[in-house]
PDB file of all heavy atoms in Angstrom:
ATOM      1  N   GLY A   1      88.671 107.858  99.480  1.00  0.00           N
ATOM      2  CA  GLY A   1      87.279 107.507  99.270  1.00  0.00           C
ATOM      3  C   GLY A   1      87.073 106.057  98.872  1.00  0.00           C
ATOM      4  O   GLY A   1      85.962 105.626  98.612  1.00  0.00           O
ATOM      5  N   GLY A   2      88.151 105.290  98.824  1.00  0.00           N
ATOM      6  CA  GLY A   2      88.070 103.881  98.444  1.00  0.00           C
ATOM      7  C   GLY A   2      88.982 103.034  99.308  1.00  0.00           C
ATOM      8  O   GLY A   2      89.154 103.293 100.495  1.00  0.00           O
ATOM      9  N   ASP A   3      89.591 102.045  98.701  1.00  0.00           N
ATOM     10  CA  ASP A   3      90.523 101.182  99.414  1.00  0.00           C
ATOM     11  C   ASP A   3      91.772 101.979  99.782  1.00  0.00           C
ATOM     12  O   ASP A   3      92.230 102.826  99.005  1.00  0.00           O
ATOM     13  CB  ASP A   3      90.924  99.995  98.532  1.00  0.00           C
ATOM     14  CG  ASP A   3      89.743  99.118  98.150  1.00  0.00           C
ATOM     15  OD1 ASP A   3      88.706  99.176  98.837  1.00  0.00           O
ATOM     16  OD2 ASP A   3      89.870  98.367  97.167  1.00  0.00           O
ATOM     17  N   HIS A   4      92.339 101.697 100.963  1.00  0.00           N
ATOM     18  CA  HIS A   4      93.534 102.398 101.411  1.00  0.00           C
ATOM     19  C   HIS A   4      94.189 101.654 102.572  1.00  0.00           C
ATOM     20  O   HIS A   4      93.607 100.744 103.140  1.00  0.00           O
ATOM     21  CB  HIS A   4      93.207 103.845 101.819  1.00  0.00           C
ATOM     22  CG  HIS A   4      92.175 103.946 102.899  1.00  0.00           C
ATOM     23  ND1 HIS A   4      90.816 103.832 102.639  1.00  0.00           N
ATOM     24  CD2 HIS A   4      92.283 104.117 104.235  1.00  0.00           C
ATOM     25  CE1 HIS A   4      90.144 103.956 103.778  1.00  0.00           C
ATOM     26  NE2 HIS A   4      91.009 104.119 104.759  1.00  0.00           N
ATOM     27  N   VAL A   5      95.417 102.063 102.894  1.00  0.00           N
ATOM     28  CA  VAL A   5      96.104 101.578 104.079  1.00  0.00           C
ATOM     29  C   VAL A   5      95.809 102.585 105.183  1.00  0.00           C
ATOM     30  O   VAL A   5      96.037 103.780 105.015  1.00  0.00           O
ATOM     31  CB  VAL A   5      97.631 101.463 103.847  1.00  0.00           C
ATOM     32  CG1 VAL A   5      98.340 101.056 105.135  1.00  0.00           C
ATOM     33  CG2 VAL A   5      97.936 100.481 102.723  1.00  0.00           C
ATOM     34  N   MET A   6      95.287 102.107 106.312  1.00  0.00           N
ATOM     35  CA  MET A   6      94.888 102.977 107.423  1.00  0.00           C
ATOM     36  C   MET A   6      95.859 102.819 108.583  1.00  0.00           C
ATOM     37  O   MET A   6      96.153 101.699 109.000  1.00  0.00           O
ATOM     38  CB  MET A   6      93.469 102.605 107.874  1.00  0.00           C
ATOM     39  CG  MET A   6      92.868 103.547 108.861  1.00  0.00           C
ATOM     40  SD  MET A   6      92.405 105.061 108.008  1.00  0.00           S
ATOM     41  CE  MET A   6      92.161 106.125 109.407  1.00  0.00           C
ATOM     42  N   PHE A   7      96.363 103.950 109.082  1.00  0.00           N
ATOM     43  CA  PHE A   7      97.250 103.982 110.241  1.00  0.00           C
ATOM     44  C   PHE A   7      96.452 104.538 111.419  1.00  0.00           C
ATOM     45  O   PHE A   7      95.963 105.665 111.348  1.00  0.00           O
ATOM     46  CB  PHE A   7      98.440 104.910 109.985  1.00  0.00           C
ATOM     47  CG  PHE A   7      99.256 104.534 108.779  1.00  0.00           C
ATOM     48  CD1 PHE A   7      98.928 105.021 107.521  1.00  0.00           C
ATOM     49  CD2 PHE A   7     100.350 103.699 108.900  1.00  0.00           C
ATOM     50  CE1 PHE A   7      99.673 104.689 106.410  1.00  0.00           C
ATOM     51  CE2 PHE A   7     101.108 103.364 107.787  1.00  0.00           C
ATOM     52  CZ  PHE A   7     100.766 103.853 106.542  1.00  0.00           C
ATOM     53  N   MET A   8      96.336 103.776 112.492  1.00  0.00           N
ATOM     54  CA  MET A   8      95.571 104.216 113.665  1.00  0.00           C
ATOM     55  C   MET A   8      96.490 104.257 114.884  1.00  0.00           C
ATOM     56  O   MET A   8      97.262 103.320 115.105  1.00  0.00           O
ATOM     57  CB  MET A   8      94.394 103.280 113.902  1.00  0.00           C
ATOM     58  CG  MET A   8      93.395 103.340 112.745  1.00  0.00           C
ATOM     59  SD  MET A   8      92.197 102.009 112.778  1.00  0.00           S
ATOM     60  CE  MET A   8      93.212 100.630 112.304  1.00  0.00           C
ATOM     61  N   GLY A   9      96.394 105.349 115.639  1.00  0.00           N
ATOM     62  CA  GLY A   9      97.272 105.528 116.782  1.00  0.00           C
ATOM     63  C   GLY A   9      98.670 105.912 116.327  1.00  0.00           C
ATOM     64  O   GLY A   9      99.651 105.235 116.643  1.00  0.00           O
ATOM     65  N   LEU A  10      98.759 107.018 115.574  1.00  0.00           N
ATOM     66  CA  LEU A  10     100.054 107.459 115.043  1.00  0.00           C
ATOM     67  C   LEU A  10     101.061 107.654 116.176  1.00  0.00           C
ATOM     68  O   LEU A  10     100.748 108.242 117.213  1.00  0.00           O
ATOM     69  CB  LEU A  10      99.904 108.765 114.266  1.00  0.00           C
ATOM     70  CG  LEU A  10      99.056 108.720 112.995  1.00  0.00           C
ATOM     71  CD1 LEU A  10      99.023 110.099 112.340  1.00  0.00           C
ATOM     72  CD2 LEU A  10      99.552 107.665 112.034  1.00  0.00           C
ATOM     73  N   VAL A  11     102.275 107.168 115.962  1.00  0.00           N
ATOM     74  CA  VAL A  11     103.355 107.307 116.934  1.00  0.00           C
ATOM     75  C   VAL A  11     103.840 108.758 116.953  1.00  0.00           C
ATOM     76  O   VAL A  11     104.185 109.289 118.001  1.00  0.00           O
ATOM     77  CB  VAL A  11     104.500 106.335 116.581  1.00  0.00           C
ATOM     78  CG1 VAL A  11     105.706 106.552 117.463  1.00  0.00           C
ATOM     79  CG2 VAL A  11     104.013 104.900 116.684  1.00  0.00           C
ATOM     80  N   ALA A  12     103.848 109.401 115.791  1.00  0.00           N
ATOM     81  CA  ALA A  12     104.245 110.799 115.625  1.00  0.00           C
ATOM     82  C   ALA A  12     103.409 111.368 114.478  1.00  0.00           C
ATOM     83  O   ALA A  12     102.929 110.619 113.629  1.00  0.00           O
ATOM     84  CB  ALA A  12     105.728 110.901 115.299  1.00  0.00           C
ATOM     85  N   PRO A  13     103.241 112.686 114.457  1.00  0.00           N
ATOM     86  CA  PRO A  13     102.455 113.276 113.363  1.00  0.00           C
ATOM     87  C   PRO A  13     103.085 113.003 111.998  1.00  0.00           C
ATOM     88  O   PRO A  13     104.302 112.891 111.881  1.00  0.00           O
ATOM     89  CB  PRO A  13     102.495 114.780 113.674  1.00  0.00           C
ATOM     90  CG  PRO A  13     102.934 114.903 115.085  1.00  0.00           C
ATOM     91  CD  PRO A  13     103.735 113.683 115.396  1.00  0.00           C
ATOM     92  N   PHE A  14     102.247 112.863 110.987  1.00  0.00           N
ATOM     93  CA  PHE A  14     102.731 112.782 109.613  1.00  0.00           C
ATOM     94  C   PHE A  14     103.109 114.210 109.214  1.00  0.00           C
ATOM     95  O   PHE A  14     102.251 115.081 109.148  1.00  0.00           O
ATOM     96  CB  PHE A  14     101.644 112.256 108.668  1.00  0.00           C
ATOM     97  CG  PHE A  14     101.448 110.756 108.702  1.00  0.00           C
ATOM     98  CD1 PHE A  14     102.115 109.940 109.595  1.00  0.00           C
ATOM     99  CD2 PHE A  14     100.586 110.167 107.804  1.00  0.00           C
ATOM    100  CE1 PHE A  14     101.925 108.567 109.601  1.00  0.00           C
ATOM    101  CE2 PHE A  14     100.385 108.789 107.798  1.00  0.00           C
ATOM    102  CZ  PHE A  14     101.061 107.986 108.690  1.00  0.00           C
ATOM    103  N   GLU A  15     104.387 114.445 108.956  1.00  0.00           N
ATOM    104  CA  GLU A  15     104.852 115.774 108.591  1.00  0.00           C
ATOM    105  C   GLU A  15     105.127 115.836 107.101  1.00  0.00           C
ATOM    106  O   GLU A  15     105.775 114.946 106.542  1.00  0.00           O
ATOM    107  CB  GLU A  15     106.096 116.134 109.390  1.00  0.00           C
ATOM    108  CG  GLU A  15     105.790 116.149 110.879  1.00  0.00           C
ATOM    109  CD  GLU A  15     106.738 117.011 111.668  1.00  0.00           C
ATOM    110  OE1 GLU A  15     107.471 117.825 111.079  1.00  0.00           O
ATOM    111  OE2 GLU A  15     106.721 116.864 112.896  1.00  0.00           O
ATOM    112  N   HIS A  16     104.626 116.896 106.471  1.00  0.00           N
ATOM    113  CA  HIS A  16     104.778 117.085 105.028  1.00  0.00           C
ATOM    114  C   HIS A  16     106.249 116.944 104.640  1.00  0.00           C
ATOM    115  O   HIS A  16     107.128 117.545 105.249  1.00  0.00           O
ATOM    116  CB  HIS A  16     104.247 118.460 104.625  1.00  0.00           C
ATOM    117  CG  HIS A  16     104.264 118.674 103.149  1.00  0.00           C
ATOM    118  ND1 HIS A  16     103.349 118.078 102.312  1.00  0.00           N
ATOM    119  CD2 HIS A  16     105.097 119.387 102.353  1.00  0.00           C
ATOM    120  CE1 HIS A  16     103.603 118.429 101.068  1.00  0.00           C
ATOM    121  NE2 HIS A  16     104.660 119.219 101.070  1.00  0.00           N
ATOM    122  N   GLY A  17     106.517 116.114 103.638  1.00  0.00           N
ATOM    123  CA  GLY A  17     107.872 115.924 103.144  1.00  0.00           C
ATOM    124  C   GLY A  17     108.616 114.762 103.794  1.00  0.00           C
ATOM    125  O   GLY A  17     109.637 114.322 103.282  1.00  0.00           O
ATOM    126  N   ALA A  18     108.116 114.259 104.917  1.00  0.00           N
ATOM    127  CA  ALA A  18     108.737 113.102 105.567  1.00  0.00           C
ATOM    128  C   ALA A  18     108.308 111.832 104.830  1.00  0.00           C
ATOM    129  O   ALA A  18     107.532 111.899 103.874  1.00  0.00           O
ATOM    130  CB  ALA A  18     108.312 113.044 107.036  1.00  0.00           C
ATOM    131  N   THR A  19     108.801 110.700 105.263  1.00  0.00           N
ATOM    132  CA  THR A  19     108.362 109.433 104.694  1.00  0.00           C
ATOM    133  C   THR A  19     107.888 108.500 105.802  1.00  0.00           C
ATOM    134  O   THR A  19     108.306 108.622 106.949  1.00  0.00           O
ATOM    135  CB  THR A  19     109.478 108.728 103.889  1.00  0.00           C
ATOM    136  OG1 THR A  19     110.582 108.479 104.747  1.00  0.00           O
ATOM    137  CG2 THR A  19     109.905 109.546 102.693  1.00  0.00           C
ATOM    138  N   VAL A  20     107.009 107.592 105.433  1.00  0.00           N
ATOM    139  CA  VAL A  20     106.463 106.600 106.354  1.00  0.00           C
ATOM    140  C   VAL A  20     106.895 105.221 105.837  1.00  0.00           C
ATOM    141  O   VAL A  20     106.519 104.844 104.717  1.00  0.00           O
ATOM    142  CB  VAL A  20     104.917 106.675 106.409  1.00  0.00           C
ATOM    143  CG1 VAL A  20     104.365 105.614 107.339  1.00  0.00           C
ATOM    144  CG2 VAL A  20     104.462 108.063 106.824  1.00  0.00           C
ATOM    145  N   PRO A  21     107.686 104.482 106.617  1.00  0.00           N
ATOM    146  CA  PRO A  21     108.064 103.138 106.170  1.00  0.00           C
ATOM    147  C   PRO A  21     106.888 102.177 106.307  1.00  0.00           C
ATOM    148  O   PRO A  21     106.246 102.119 107.349  1.00  0.00           O
ATOM    149  CB  PRO A  21     109.204 102.753 107.117  1.00  0.00           C
ATOM    150  CG  PRO A  21     108.970 103.572 108.348  1.00  0.00           C
ATOM    151  CD  PRO A  21     108.273 104.828 107.901  1.00  0.00           C
ATOM    152  N   VAL A  22     106.599 101.451 105.227  1.00  0.00           N
ATOM    153  CA  VAL A  22     105.472 100.529 105.216  1.00  0.00           C
ATOM    154  C   VAL A  22     105.933  99.222 104.563  1.00  0.00           C
ATOM    155  O   VAL A  22     106.650  99.248 103.560  1.00  0.00           O
ATOM    156  CB  VAL A  22     104.275 101.097 104.416  1.00  0.00           C
ATOM    157  CG1 VAL A  22     103.113 100.116 104.385  1.00  0.00           C
ATOM    158  CG2 VAL A  22     103.831 102.433 104.993  1.00  0.00           C
ATOM    159  N   THR A  23     105.513  98.120 105.147  1.00  0.00           N
ATOM    160  CA  THR A  23     105.728  96.811 104.535  1.00  0.00           C
ATOM    161  C   THR A  23     104.376  96.297 104.088  1.00  0.00           C
ATOM    162  O   THR A  23     103.456  96.156 104.895  1.00  0.00           O
ATOM    163  CB  THR A  23     106.371  95.821 105.528  1.00  0.00           C
ATOM    164  OG1 THR A  23     107.628  96.351 105.964  1.00  0.00           O
ATOM    165  CG2 THR A  23     106.590  94.463 104.876  1.00  0.00           C
ATOM    166  N   LEU A  24     104.241  96.066 102.789  1.00  0.00           N
ATOM    167  CA  LEU A  24     103.023  95.485 102.239  1.00  0.00           C
ATOM    168  C   LEU A  24     103.251  93.985 102.098  1.00  0.00           C
ATOM    169  O   LEU A  24     104.293  93.558 101.585  1.00  0.00           O
ATOM    170  CB  LEU A  24     102.704  96.102 100.878  1.00  0.00           C
ATOM    171  CG  LEU A  24     102.477  97.616 100.883  1.00  0.00           C
ATOM    172  CD1 LEU A  24     102.314  98.129  99.459  1.00  0.00           C
ATOM    173  CD2 LEU A  24     101.297  97.988 101.741  1.00  0.00           C
ATOM    174  N   VAL A  25     102.301  93.202 102.560  1.00  0.00           N
ATOM    175  CA  VAL A  25     102.451  91.750 102.536  1.00  0.00           C
ATOM    176  C   VAL A  25     101.446  91.172 101.536  1.00  0.00           C
ATOM    177  O   VAL A  25     100.238  91.367 101.687  1.00  0.00           O
ATOM    178  CB  VAL A  25     102.236  91.137 103.934  1.00  0.00           C
ATOM    179  CG1 VAL A  25     102.440  89.627 103.896  1.00  0.00           C
ATOM    180  CG2 VAL A  25     103.177  91.784 104.959  1.00  0.00           C
ATOM    181  N   PHE A  26     101.989  90.481 100.535  1.00  0.00           N
ATOM    182  CA  PHE A  26     101.178  89.888  99.478  1.00  0.00           C
ATOM    183  C   PHE A  26     101.140  88.376  99.643  1.00  0.00           C
ATOM    184  O   PHE A  26     102.097  87.770 100.117  1.00  0.00           O
ATOM    185  CB  PHE A  26     101.741  90.247  98.100  1.00  0.00           C
ATOM    186  CG  PHE A  26     101.656  91.710  97.797  1.00  0.00           C
ATOM    187  CD1 PHE A  26     102.661  92.578  98.197  1.00  0.00           C
ATOM    188  CD2 PHE A  26     100.554  92.225  97.123  1.00  0.00           C
ATOM    189  CE1 PHE A  26     102.576  93.935  97.932  1.00  0.00           C
ATOM    190  CE2 PHE A  26     100.464  93.583  96.859  1.00  0.00           C
ATOM    191  CZ  PHE A  26     101.476  94.438  97.264  1.00  0.00           C
ATOM    192  N   GLU A  27     100.040  87.793  99.230  1.00  0.00           N
ATOM    193  CA  GLU A  27      99.851  86.349  99.329  1.00  0.00           C
ATOM    194  C   GLU A  27     100.948  85.581  98.581  1.00  0.00           C
ATOM    195  O   GLU A  27     101.494  84.613  99.100  1.00  0.00           O
ATOM    196  CB  GLU A  27      98.481  86.006  98.748  1.00  0.00           C
ATOM    197  CG  GLU A  27      97.850  84.755  99.263  1.00  0.00           C
ATOM    198  CD  GLU A  27      96.388  84.698  98.840  1.00  0.00           C
ATOM    199  OE1 GLU A  27      96.106  84.691  97.625  1.00  0.00           O
ATOM    200  OE2 GLU A  27      95.538  84.679  99.747  1.00  0.00           O
ATOM    201  N   LYS A  28     101.289  86.026  97.376  1.00  0.00           N
ATOM    202  CA  LYS A  28     102.282  85.326  96.556  1.00  0.00           C
ATOM    203  C   LYS A  28     103.622  86.034  96.533  1.00  0.00           C
ATOM    204  O   LYS A  28     104.663  85.399  96.603  1.00  0.00           O
ATOM    205  CB  LYS A  28     101.753  85.149  95.129  1.00  0.00           C
ATOM    206  CG  LYS A  28     100.556  84.221  95.052  1.00  0.00           C
ATOM    207  CD  LYS A  28     100.107  83.998  93.633  1.00  0.00           C
ATOM    208  CE  LYS A  28      98.988  82.995  93.622  1.00  0.00           C
ATOM    209  NZ  LYS A  28      97.742  83.512  93.156  1.00  0.00           N
ATOM    210  N   ALA A  29     103.615  87.341  96.399  1.00  0.00           N
ATOM    211  CA  ALA A  29     104.857  88.097  96.253  1.00  0.00           C
ATOM    212  C   ALA A  29     105.592  88.279  97.574  1.00  0.00           C
ATOM    213  O   ALA A  29     106.752  88.668  97.582  1.00  0.00           O
ATOM    214  CB  ALA A  29     104.577  89.458  95.630  1.00  0.00           C
ATOM    215  N   GLY A  30     104.928  88.012  98.685  1.00  0.00           N
ATOM    216  CA  GLY A  30     105.584  88.179  99.976  1.00  0.00           C
ATOM    217  C   GLY A  30     105.626  89.638 100.389  1.00  0.00           C
ATOM    218  O   GLY A  30     104.740  90.422 100.058  1.00  0.00           O
ATOM    219  N   GLU A  31     106.673  90.010 101.096  1.00  0.00           N
ATOM    220  CA  GLU A  31     106.791  91.362 101.640  1.00  0.00           C
ATOM    221  C   GLU A  31     107.443  92.314 100.641  1.00  0.00           C
ATOM    222  O   GLU A  31     108.446  91.974 100.027  1.00  0.00           O
ATOM    223  CB  GLU A  31     107.607  91.344 102.928  1.00  0.00           C
ATOM    224  CG  GLU A  31     106.940  90.581 104.046  1.00  0.00           C
ATOM    225  CD  GLU A  31     107.721  90.632 105.351  1.00  0.00           C
ATOM    226  OE1 GLU A  31     108.828  91.211 105.387  1.00  0.00           O
ATOM    227  OE2 GLU A  31     107.212  90.090 106.341  1.00  0.00           O
ATOM    228  N   VAL A  32     106.843  93.482 100.510  1.00  0.00           N
ATOM    229  CA  VAL A  32     107.404  94.549  99.687  1.00  0.00           C
ATOM    230  C   VAL A  32     107.492  95.782 100.575  1.00  0.00           C
ATOM    231  O   VAL A  32     106.481  96.252 101.101  1.00  0.00           O
ATOM    232  CB  VAL A  32     106.526  94.831  98.444  1.00  0.00           C
ATOM    233  CG1 VAL A  32     107.085  95.997  97.645  1.00  0.00           C
ATOM    234  CG2 VAL A  32     106.409  93.581  97.571  1.00  0.00           C
ATOM    235  N   GLU A  33     108.717  96.283 100.751  1.00  0.00           N
ATOM    236  CA  GLU A  33     108.919  97.454 101.608  1.00  0.00           C
ATOM    237  C   GLU A  33     108.934  98.717 100.766  1.00  0.00           C
ATOM    238  O   GLU A  33     109.483  98.730  99.664  1.00  0.00           O
ATOM    239  CB  GLU A  33     110.226  97.301 102.388  1.00  0.00           C
ATOM    240  CG  GLU A  33     110.185  96.139 103.357  1.00  0.00           C
ATOM    241  CD  GLU A  33     111.467  95.971 104.139  1.00  0.00           C
ATOM    242  OE1 GLU A  33     112.366  96.836 104.055  1.00  0.00           O
ATOM    243  OE2 GLU A  33     111.580  94.951 104.845  1.00  0.00           O
ATOM    244  N   ILE A  34     108.349  99.768 101.323  1.00  0.00           N
ATOM    245  CA  ILE A  34     108.291 101.055 100.626  1.00  0.00           C
ATOM    246  C   ILE A  34     108.339 102.180 101.657  1.00  0.00           C
ATOM    247  O   ILE A  34     107.812 102.038 102.761  1.00  0.00           O
ATOM    248  CB  ILE A  34     107.006 101.155  99.759  1.00  0.00           C
ATOM    249  CG1 ILE A  34     106.962 102.477  98.991  1.00  0.00           C
ATOM    250  CG2 ILE A  34     105.761 100.943 100.596  1.00  0.00           C
ATOM    251  CD1 ILE A  34     105.822 102.582  97.996  1.00  0.00           C
ATOM    252  N   ASP A  35     109.007 103.267 101.303  1.00  0.00           N
ATOM    253  CA  ASP A  35     108.964 104.492 102.096  1.00  0.00           C
ATOM    254  C   ASP A  35     107.973 105.407 101.401  1.00  0.00           C
ATOM    255  O   ASP A  35     108.235 105.893 100.298  1.00  0.00           O
ATOM    256  CB  ASP A  35     110.345 105.148 102.180  1.00  0.00           C
ATOM    257  CG  ASP A  35     111.277 104.381 103.106  1.00  0.00           C
ATOM    258  OD1 ASP A  35     110.794 103.850 104.122  1.00  0.00           O
ATOM    259  OD2 ASP A  35     112.480 104.297 102.808  1.00  0.00           O
TER     260      ASP A  35
END
């Protein structure tokens, strides 16, 4: 209902219990990778 990361055109369904690799890019901190 607020700010979020939006994935459009999923390559595969999001399956419960799986992980989605995401790289967040910050102006100062640079890239932060998270599953």
